[in-house]
PDB file of N, CA and C in Angstrom:
ATOM      1  N   UNK A   1     176.290 188.520 197.999  1.00  0.00           N
ATOM      2  CA  UNK A   1     177.997 189.048 197.629  1.00  0.00           C
ATOM      3  C   UNK A   1     177.963 190.341 198.403  1.00  0.00           C
ATOM      4  N   UNK A   2     176.900 191.233 198.927  1.00  0.00           N
ATOM      5  CA  UNK A   2     176.839 192.729 199.916  1.00  0.00           C
ATOM      6  C   UNK A   2     177.564 192.209 201.072  1.00  0.00           C
ATOM      7  N   UNK A   3     177.197 190.816 201.915  1.00  0.00           N
ATOM      8  CA  UNK A   3     178.191 190.558 202.844  1.00  0.00           C
ATOM      9  C   UNK A   3     179.456 190.683 202.689  1.00  0.00           C
ATOM     10  N   UNK A   4     180.125 189.478 201.892  1.00  0.00           N
ATOM     11  CA  UNK A   4     181.416 189.534 201.258  1.00  0.00           C
ATOM     12  C   UNK A   4     182.258 190.946 201.280  1.00  0.00           C
ATOM     13  N   UNK A   5     181.517 191.930 200.576  1.00  0.00           N
ATOM     14  CA  UNK A   5     182.289 193.176 200.105  1.00  0.00           C
ATOM     15  C   UNK A   5     182.093 194.116 201.417  1.00  0.00           C
ATOM     16  N   UNK A   6     181.273 193.700 202.223  1.00  0.00           N
ATOM     17  CA  UNK A   6     181.357 194.259 203.768  1.00  0.00           C
ATOM     18  C   UNK A   6     182.517 194.039 204.588  1.00  0.00           C
ATOM     19  N   UNK A   7     182.643 192.581 204.546  1.00  0.00           N
ATOM     20  CA  UNK A   7     183.868 191.834 205.379  1.00  0.00           C
ATOM     21  C   UNK A   7     184.879 192.707 204.655  1.00  0.00           C
ATOM     22  N   UNK A   8     185.183 192.512 203.271  1.00  0.00           N
ATOM     23  CA  UNK A   8     186.430 193.064 202.510  1.00  0.00           C
ATOM     24  C   UNK A   8     186.822 194.383 202.907  1.00  0.00           C
ATOM     25  N   UNK A   9     185.691 195.302 203.105  1.00  0.00           N
ATOM     26  CA  UNK A   9     185.978 196.756 203.341  1.00  0.00           C
ATOM     27  C   UNK A   9     186.555 196.874 204.816  1.00  0.00           C
ATOM     28  N   UNK A  10     185.762 195.943 205.509  1.00  0.00           N
ATOM     29  CA  UNK A  10     186.401 196.310 207.052  1.00  0.00           C
ATOM     30  C   UNK A  10     188.027 195.278 207.236  1.00  0.00           C
ATOM     31  N   UNK A  11     188.159 194.303 206.422  1.00  0.00           N
ATOM     32  CA  UNK A  11     189.519 193.839 206.518  1.00  0.00           C
ATOM     33  C   UNK A  11     190.401 194.838 206.108  1.00  0.00           C
ATOM     34  N   UNK A  12     190.017 195.619 205.062  1.00  0.00           N
ATOM     35  CA  UNK A  12     191.160 196.677 204.357  1.00  0.00           C
ATOM     36  C   UNK A  12     191.506 197.549 205.674  1.00  0.00           C
ATOM     37  N   UNK A  13     190.593 197.773 206.569  1.00  0.00           N
ATOM     38  CA  UNK A  13     190.962 198.945 207.742  1.00  0.00           C
ATOM     39  C   UNK A  13     192.106 198.082 208.519  1.00  0.00           C
ATOM     40  N   UNK A  14     192.080 197.297 208.636  1.00  0.00           N
ATOM     41  CA  UNK A  14     193.042 196.342 209.534  1.00  0.00           C
ATOM     42  C   UNK A  14     194.568 196.340 209.251  1.00  0.00           C
ATOM     43  N   UNK A  15     195.441 196.544 210.276  1.00  0.00           N
ATOM     44  CA  UNK A  15     196.881 196.475 209.748  1.00  0.00           C
ATOM     45  C   UNK A  15     197.230 195.275 209.393  1.00  0.00           C
ATOM     46  N   UNK A  16     198.089 194.938 208.550  1.00  0.00           N
ATOM     47  CA  UNK A  16     198.847 193.293 208.317  1.00  0.00           C
ATOM     48  C   UNK A  16     197.313 192.336 207.736  1.00  0.00           C
ATOM     49  N   UNK A  17     196.460 193.037 207.022  1.00  0.00           N
ATOM     50  CA  UNK A  17     195.336 192.737 206.180  1.00  0.00           C
ATOM     51  C   UNK A  17     195.955 191.744 205.109  1.00  0.00           C
ATOM     52  N   UNK A  18     197.220 192.406 204.350  1.00  0.00           N
ATOM     53  CA  UNK A  18     197.464 191.558 203.184  1.00  0.00           C
ATOM     54  C   UNK A  18     198.472 190.384 203.412  1.00  0.00           C
ATOM     55  N   UNK A  19     198.731 190.216 204.448  1.00  0.00           N
ATOM     56  CA  UNK A  19     199.379 189.106 205.099  1.00  0.00           C
ATOM     57  C   UNK A  19     198.572 188.068 206.006  1.00  0.00           C
ATOM     58  N   UNK A  20     197.451 188.463 206.473  1.00  0.00           N
ATOM     59  CA  UNK A  20     196.648 187.359 207.457  1.00  0.00           C
ATOM     60  C   UNK A  20     195.947 186.316 206.559  1.00  0.00           C
ATOM     61  N   UNK A  21     196.091 184.982 206.892  1.00  0.00           N
ATOM     62  CA  UNK A  21     195.773 183.797 206.364  1.00  0.00           C
ATOM     63  C   UNK A  21     194.479 183.665 206.572  1.00  0.00           C
ATOM     64  N   UNK A  22     193.717 184.496 207.011  1.00  0.00           N
ATOM     65  CA  UNK A  22     192.209 184.721 207.241  1.00  0.00           C
ATOM     66  C   UNK A  22     191.795 185.693 206.387  1.00  0.00           C
ATOM     67  N   UNK A  23     192.390 186.447 205.677  1.00  0.00           N
ATOM     68  CA  UNK A  23     191.945 187.244 204.585  1.00  0.00           C
ATOM     69  C   UNK A  23     191.285 186.946 203.551  1.00  0.00           C
ATOM     70  N   UNK A  24     190.128 187.530 203.455  1.00  0.00           N
ATOM     71  CA  UNK A  24     189.675 188.562 203.724  1.00  0.00           C
ATOM     72  C   UNK A  24     188.741 188.594 205.032  1.00  0.00           C
ATOM     73  N   UNK A  25     188.867 187.660 205.718  1.00  0.00           N
ATOM     74  CA  UNK A  25     187.925 187.673 206.934  1.00  0.00           C
ATOM     75  C   UNK A  25     188.657 187.960 208.026  1.00  0.00           C
ATOM     76  N   UNK A  26     187.826 188.606 208.816  1.00  0.00           N
ATOM     77  CA  UNK A  26     188.728 189.071 209.986  1.00  0.00           C
ATOM     78  C   UNK A  26     189.191 188.054 211.296  1.00  0.00           C
ATOM     79  N   UNK A  27     188.941 186.952 211.396  1.00  0.00           N
ATOM     80  CA  UNK A  27     189.341 185.843 212.034  1.00  0.00           C
ATOM     81  C   UNK A  27     189.073 184.542 211.617  1.00  0.00           C
ATOM     82  N   UNK A  28     190.064 183.626 212.344  1.00  0.00           N
ATOM     83  CA  UNK A  28     190.070 182.360 212.096  1.00  0.00           C
ATOM     84  C   UNK A  28     190.285 181.357 213.091  1.00  0.00           C
ATOM     85  N   UNK A  29     189.397 180.576 213.126  1.00  0.00           N
ATOM     86  CA  UNK A  29     189.394 179.824 214.720  1.00  0.00           C
ATOM     87  C   UNK A  29     189.502 178.457 214.073  1.00  0.00           C
ATOM     88  N   UNK A  30     190.052 177.630 214.566  1.00  0.00           N
ATOM     89  CA  UNK A  30     190.470 176.069 215.097  1.00  0.00           C
ATOM     90  C   UNK A  30     189.957 175.289 215.777  1.00  0.00           C
ATOM     91  N   UNK A  31     188.729 174.349 215.459  1.00  0.00           N
ATOM     92  CA  UNK A  31     188.240 173.800 216.355  1.00  0.00           C
ATOM     93  C   UNK A  31     188.499 172.602 216.485  1.00  0.00           C
ATOM     94  N   UNK A  32     189.185 171.664 217.286  1.00  0.00           N
ATOM     95  CA  UNK A  32     189.355 170.452 216.898  1.00  0.00           C
ATOM     96  C   UNK A  32     188.500 169.460 218.182  1.00  0.00           C
ATOM     97  N   UNK A  33     187.852 168.516 217.559  1.00  0.00           N
ATOM     98  CA  UNK A  33     187.119 167.712 218.518  1.00  0.00           C
ATOM     99  C   UNK A  33     186.109 168.587 219.280  1.00  0.00           C
ATOM    100  N   UNK A  34     185.440 169.657 218.951  1.00  0.00           N
ATOM    101  CA  UNK A  34     184.595 170.410 219.933  1.00  0.00           C
ATOM    102  C   UNK A  34     183.278 170.118 219.911  1.00  0.00           C
ATOM    103  N   UNK A  35     182.368 170.213 220.826  1.00  0.00           N
ATOM    104  CA  UNK A  35     181.214 169.782 220.835  1.00  0.00           C
ATOM    105  C   UNK A  35     180.440 170.722 221.848  1.00  0.00           C
ATOM    106  N   UNK A  36     179.672 171.721 221.368  1.00  0.00           N
ATOM    107  CA  UNK A  36     178.868 172.840 222.242  1.00  0.00           C
ATOM    108  C   UNK A  36     177.658 172.821 222.435  1.00  0.00           C
ATOM    109  N   UNK A  37     176.925 173.185 223.455  1.00  0.00           N
ATOM    110  CA  UNK A  37     175.588 173.497 223.337  1.00  0.00           C
ATOM    111  C   UNK A  37     175.096 174.195 222.444  1.00  0.00           C
ATOM    112  N   UNK A  38     173.695 174.313 221.748  1.00  0.00           N
ATOM    113  CA  UNK A  38     173.401 175.183 220.830  1.00  0.00           C
ATOM    114  C   UNK A  38     173.141 176.895 221.671  1.00  0.00           C
ATOM    115  N   UNK A  39     173.857 177.547 220.619  1.00  0.00           N
ATOM    116  CA  UNK A  39     174.033 179.061 221.363  1.00  0.00           C
ATOM    117  C   UNK A  39     173.842 180.043 219.926  1.00  0.00           C
ATOM    118  N   UNK A  40     173.492 181.164 220.256  1.00  0.00           N
ATOM    119  CA  UNK A  40     173.908 182.172 219.064  1.00  0.00           C
ATOM    120  C   UNK A  40     174.901 183.152 219.815  1.00  0.00           C
ATOM    121  N   UNK A  41     175.876 183.690 218.519  1.00  0.00           N
ATOM    122  CA  UNK A  41     176.723 184.437 218.997  1.00  0.00           C
ATOM    123  C   UNK A  41     176.269 185.996 218.480  1.00  0.00           C
ATOM    124  N   UNK A  42     175.648 186.431 219.692  1.00  0.00           N
ATOM    125  CA  UNK A  42     174.946 187.700 219.523  1.00  0.00           C
ATOM    126  C   UNK A  42     175.625 189.238 219.009  1.00  0.00           C
ATOM    127  N   UNK A  43     176.993 189.050 219.324  1.00  0.00           N
ATOM    128  CA  UNK A  43     177.763 190.245 218.490  1.00  0.00           C
ATOM    129  C   UNK A  43     178.033 190.116 217.349  1.00  0.00           C
ATOM    130  N   UNK A  44     177.836 188.759 216.756  1.00  0.00           N
ATOM    131  CA  UNK A  44     177.761 188.554 215.480  1.00  0.00           C
ATOM    132  C   UNK A  44     177.404 189.979 214.319  1.00  0.00           C
ATOM    133  N   UNK A  45     178.199 190.358 213.372  1.00  0.00           N
ATOM    134  CA  UNK A  45     177.785 191.444 212.682  1.00  0.00           C
ATOM    135  C   UNK A  45     177.175 190.896 211.390  1.00  0.00           C
ATOM    136  N   UNK A  46     178.014 190.088 210.765  1.00  0.00           N
ATOM    137  CA  UNK A  46     177.397 189.010 209.308  1.00  0.00           C
ATOM    138  C   UNK A  46     177.860 187.587 209.265  1.00  0.00           C
ATOM    139  N   UNK A  47     178.176 187.336 208.449  1.00  0.00           N
ATOM    140  CA  UNK A  47     178.081 185.881 207.930  1.00  0.00           C
ATOM    141  C   UNK A  47     178.969 185.134 208.959  1.00  0.00           C
ATOM    142  N   UNK A  48     178.604 183.956 209.176  1.00  0.00           N
ATOM    143  CA  UNK A  48     179.693 182.844 209.747  1.00  0.00           C
ATOM    144  C   UNK A  48     179.830 182.121 208.748  1.00  0.00           C
ATOM    145  N   UNK A  49     181.091 181.559 208.488  1.00  0.00           N
ATOM    146  CA  UNK A  49     181.125 180.502 207.387  1.00  0.00           C
ATOM    147  C   UNK A  49     182.327 179.199 208.024  1.00  0.00           C
ATOM    148  N   UNK A  50     181.594 177.980 208.015  1.00  0.00           N
ATOM    149  CA  UNK A  50     182.435 176.781 208.381  1.00  0.00           C
ATOM    150  C   UNK A  50     183.119 175.994 207.281  1.00  0.00           C
ATOM    151  N   UNK A  51     184.383 175.804 207.304  1.00  0.00           N
ATOM    152  CA  UNK A  51     184.823 175.143 206.235  1.00  0.00           C
ATOM    153  C   UNK A  51     185.512 173.878 206.873  1.00  0.00           C
ATOM    154  N   UNK A  52     185.565 172.818 206.379  1.00  0.00           N
ATOM    155  CA  UNK A  52     185.819 171.608 207.054  1.00  0.00           C
ATOM    156  C   UNK A  52     187.300 170.987 206.265  1.00  0.00           C
ATOM    157  N   UNK A  53     188.217 170.699 206.782  1.00  0.00           N
ATOM    158  CA  UNK A  53     189.200 170.465 206.293  1.00  0.00           C
ATOM    159  C   UNK A  53     189.805 169.055 206.817  1.00  0.00           C
ATOM    160  N   UNK A  54     190.040 168.379 205.573  1.00  0.00           N
ATOM    161  CA  UNK A  54     190.626 166.962 205.818  1.00  0.00           C
ATOM    162  C   UNK A  54     188.971 165.745 205.493  1.00  0.00           C
ATOM    163  N   UNK A  55     189.078 164.941 205.949  1.00  0.00           N
ATOM    164  CA  UNK A  55     187.940 163.588 206.044  1.00  0.00           C
ATOM    165  C   UNK A  55     187.328 163.519 207.288  1.00  0.00           C
ATOM    166  N   UNK A  56     186.665 164.260 207.908  1.00  0.00           N
ATOM    167  CA  UNK A  56     186.215 163.687 209.143  1.00  0.00           C
ATOM    168  C   UNK A  56     185.171 162.468 209.146  1.00  0.00           C
ATOM    169  N   UNK A  57     185.273 161.793 210.279  1.00  0.00           N
ATOM    170  CA  UNK A  57     184.168 160.962 210.194  1.00  0.00           C
ATOM    171  C   UNK A  57     183.661 160.877 211.388  1.00  0.00           C
ATOM    172  N   UNK A  58     182.132 160.646 211.507  1.00  0.00           N
ATOM    173  CA  UNK A  58     181.434 160.784 212.705  1.00  0.00           C
ATOM    174  C   UNK A  58     181.251 162.325 213.152  1.00  0.00           C
ATOM    175  N   UNK A  59     180.378 162.223 214.100  1.00  0.00           N
ATOM    176  CA  UNK A  59     180.215 163.668 214.166  1.00  0.00           C
ATOM    177  C   UNK A  59     178.787 164.184 213.459  1.00  0.00           C
ATOM    178  N   UNK A  60     178.636 165.711 213.821  1.00  0.00           N
ATOM    179  CA  UNK A  60     177.754 166.384 212.948  1.00  0.00           C
ATOM    180  C   UNK A  60     177.525 167.768 213.224  1.00  0.00           C
ATOM    181  N   UNK A  61     177.418 168.362 212.567  1.00  0.00           N
ATOM    182  CA  UNK A  61     177.303 169.950 212.582  1.00  0.00           C
ATOM    183  C   UNK A  61     175.605 170.237 212.212  1.00  0.00           C
ATOM    184  N   UNK A  62     175.148 170.635 213.591  1.00  0.00           N
ATOM    185  CA  UNK A  62     173.699 170.847 213.586  1.00  0.00           C
ATOM    186  C   UNK A  62     173.661 172.560 213.850  1.00  0.00           C
ATOM    187  N   UNK A  63     172.816 173.092 212.467  1.00  0.00           N
ATOM    188  CA  UNK A  63     172.816 174.676 212.450  1.00  0.00           C
ATOM    189  C   UNK A  63     170.716 174.678 212.822  1.00  0.00           C
ATOM    190  N   UNK A  64     170.481 175.162 213.790  1.00  0.00           N
ATOM    191  CA  UNK A  64     169.446 175.192 214.351  1.00  0.00           C
ATOM    192  C   UNK A  64     168.363 176.181 213.868  1.00  0.00           C
ATOM    193  N   UNK A  65     168.863 177.292 213.402  1.00  0.00           N
ATOM    194  CA  UNK A  65     167.963 178.201 212.698  1.00  0.00           C
ATOM    195  C   UNK A  65     167.402 177.871 211.662  1.00  0.00           C
ATOM    196  N   UNK A  66     168.029 177.202 210.322  1.00  0.00           N
ATOM    197  CA  UNK A  66     167.735 176.774 209.301  1.00  0.00           C
ATOM    198  C   UNK A  66     167.334 175.481 209.525  1.00  0.00           C
ATOM    199  N   UNK A  67     167.324 174.568 210.821  1.00  0.00           N
ATOM    200  CA  UNK A  67     166.904 172.970 210.940  1.00  0.00           C
ATOM    201  C   UNK A  67     167.519 172.122 209.682  1.00  0.00           C
ATOM    202  N   UNK A  68     169.323 172.394 210.126  1.00  0.00           N
ATOM    203  CA  UNK A  68     169.874 171.441 208.835  1.00  0.00           C
ATOM    204  C   UNK A  68     170.673 170.967 209.958  1.00  0.00           C
ATOM    205  N   UNK A  69     170.909 169.668 209.782  1.00  0.00           N
ATOM    206  CA  UNK A  69     171.996 168.615 210.060  1.00  0.00           C
ATOM    207  C   UNK A  69     172.557 167.832 209.149  1.00  0.00           C
ATOM    208  N   UNK A  70     174.067 168.306 209.361  1.00  0.00           N
ATOM    209  CA  UNK A  70     175.045 168.134 208.391  1.00  0.00           C
ATOM    210  C   UNK A  70     175.916 167.175 208.921  1.00  0.00           C
TER     211      UNK A  70
END
């Protein structure tokens, strides 16, 4: 809950935040058929949320720090 409120407070400062499709988040990214090496985004300030849209088949999402394979 604290992270969500921090993000909301940040977005409230941005122009057009009321019409942003990503609101209350500061950005939105669409990755289609993406495969990346394990990495850390060192400039991230708070949470990262991954949402799957559709019914994907095959592939996997690997979260190294919590040792999860989805």
